[in-house]
Amino acid sequence: MCCKECEKLSDEQLKAVVCEEENILVSAGPGSGKTVVIVNKVHHLIKYKNVNPRNI
């Protein structure tokens, strides 16, 4: 698991967070957790992939 917050994500959401592709599309209905996925993706990139926040 990448982080404590990721424990709450569904399998599909977790795949989006840890995906190695440069670009991903997050598409889902209202209230499904898109913003949570994007926030966790940014956190993952900064903390675990050493990406400079200015490059996101």
C-alpha atoms as a PDB file:
ATOM      1  CA  MET A   1       0.000   0.000   0.000  1.00  0.00           C
ATOM      2  CA  CYS A   2       1.361   3.398  -0.910  1.00  0.00           C
ATOM      3  CA  CYS A   3      -0.053   5.330   2.050  1.00  0.00           C
ATOM      4  CA  LYS A   4      -2.603   5.150   4.844  1.00  0.00           C
ATOM      5  CA  GLU A   5      -5.132   7.199   2.871  1.00  0.00           C
ATOM      6  CA  CYS A   6      -4.894   4.727  -0.020  1.00  0.00           C
ATOM      7  CA  GLU A   7      -6.275   1.966   2.207  1.00  0.00           C
ATOM      8  CA  LYS A   8      -9.715   3.561   1.781  1.00  0.00           C
ATOM      9  CA  LEU A   9      -9.605   3.490  -2.038  1.00  0.00           C
ATOM     10  CA  SER A  10     -11.282   0.894  -4.221  1.00  0.00           C
ATOM     11  CA  ASP A  11      -9.114  -1.315  -6.424  1.00  0.00           C
ATOM     12  CA  GLU A  12      -9.903   0.841  -9.463  1.00  0.00           C
ATOM     13  CA  GLN A  13      -9.069   4.050  -7.612  1.00  0.00           C
ATOM     14  CA  LEU A  14      -5.795   2.606  -6.335  1.00  0.00           C
ATOM     15  CA  LYS A  15      -4.826   1.581  -9.876  1.00  0.00           C
ATOM     16  CA  ALA A  16      -5.235   5.207 -10.970  1.00  0.00           C
ATOM     17  CA  VAL A  17      -3.134   6.467  -8.054  1.00  0.00           C
ATOM     18  CA  VAL A  18      -0.176   4.153  -8.676  1.00  0.00           C
ATOM     19  CA  CYS A  19      -0.410   4.091 -12.491  1.00  0.00           C
ATOM     20  CA  GLU A  20       2.982   4.758 -14.121  1.00  0.00           C
ATOM     21  CA  GLU A  21       1.531   6.346 -17.275  1.00  0.00           C
ATOM     22  CA  GLU A  22       2.302  10.025 -17.788  1.00  0.00           C
ATOM     23  CA  ASN A  23      -1.352  10.901 -18.424  1.00  0.00           C
ATOM     24  CA  ILE A  24      -4.454   9.272 -17.022  1.00  0.00           C
ATOM     25  CA  LEU A  25      -8.159   9.968 -17.384  1.00  0.00           C
ATOM     26  CA  VAL A  26     -10.328   9.787 -14.273  1.00  0.00           C
ATOM     27  CA  SER A  27     -13.964   9.621 -15.304  1.00  0.00           C
ATOM     28  CA  ALA A  28     -16.847   8.719 -12.996  1.00  0.00           C
ATOM     29  CA  GLY A  29     -20.154   9.960 -11.685  1.00  0.00           C
ATOM     30  CA  PRO A  30     -20.726  12.603  -9.026  1.00  0.00           C
ATOM     31  CA  GLY A  31     -19.601  11.658  -5.529  1.00  0.00           C
ATOM     32  CA  SER A  32     -17.563   8.684  -6.703  1.00  0.00           C
ATOM     33  CA  GLY A  33     -14.201   9.934  -5.392  1.00  0.00           C
ATOM     34  CA  LYS A  34     -12.502  11.523  -8.409  1.00  0.00           C
ATOM     35  CA  THR A  35     -11.050  14.364  -6.353  1.00  0.00           C
ATOM     36  CA  VAL A  36      -9.814  11.917  -3.715  1.00  0.00           C
ATOM     37  CA  VAL A  37      -8.058   9.925  -6.442  1.00  0.00           C
ATOM     38  CA  ILE A  38      -6.376  13.010  -7.874  1.00  0.00           C
ATOM     39  CA  VAL A  39      -5.247  14.260  -4.455  1.00  0.00           C
ATOM     40  CA  ASN A  40      -3.823  10.823  -3.631  1.00  0.00           C
ATOM     41  CA  LYS A  41      -2.133  10.675  -7.059  1.00  0.00           C
ATOM     42  CA  VAL A  42      -0.380  13.997  -6.409  1.00  0.00           C
ATOM     43  CA  HIS A  43       0.655  12.835  -2.930  1.00  0.00           C
ATOM     44  CA  HIS A  44       1.993   9.571  -4.365  1.00  0.00           C
ATOM     45  CA  LEU A  45       3.999  11.363  -7.061  1.00  0.00           C
ATOM     46  CA  ILE A  46       5.585  13.786  -4.596  1.00  0.00           C
ATOM     47  CA  LYS A  47       6.274  11.390  -1.721  1.00  0.00           C
ATOM     48  CA  TYR A  48       7.074   8.109  -3.467  1.00  0.00           C
ATOM     49  CA  LYS A  49       8.224   9.126  -6.954  1.00  0.00           C
ATOM     50  CA  ASN A  50      10.160  12.258  -5.920  1.00  0.00           C
ATOM     51  CA  VAL A  51       8.359  14.440  -8.449  1.00  0.00           C
ATOM     52  CA  ASN A  52       8.814  18.159  -7.902  1.00  0.00           C
ATOM     53  CA  PRO A  53       5.374  19.694  -7.168  1.00  0.00           C
ATOM     54  CA  ARG A  54       6.113  22.384  -9.758  1.00  0.00           C
ATOM     55  CA  ASN A  55       6.213  19.662 -12.406  1.00  0.00           C
ATOM     56  CA  ILE A  56       2.702  18.432 -11.684  1.00  0.00           C
END
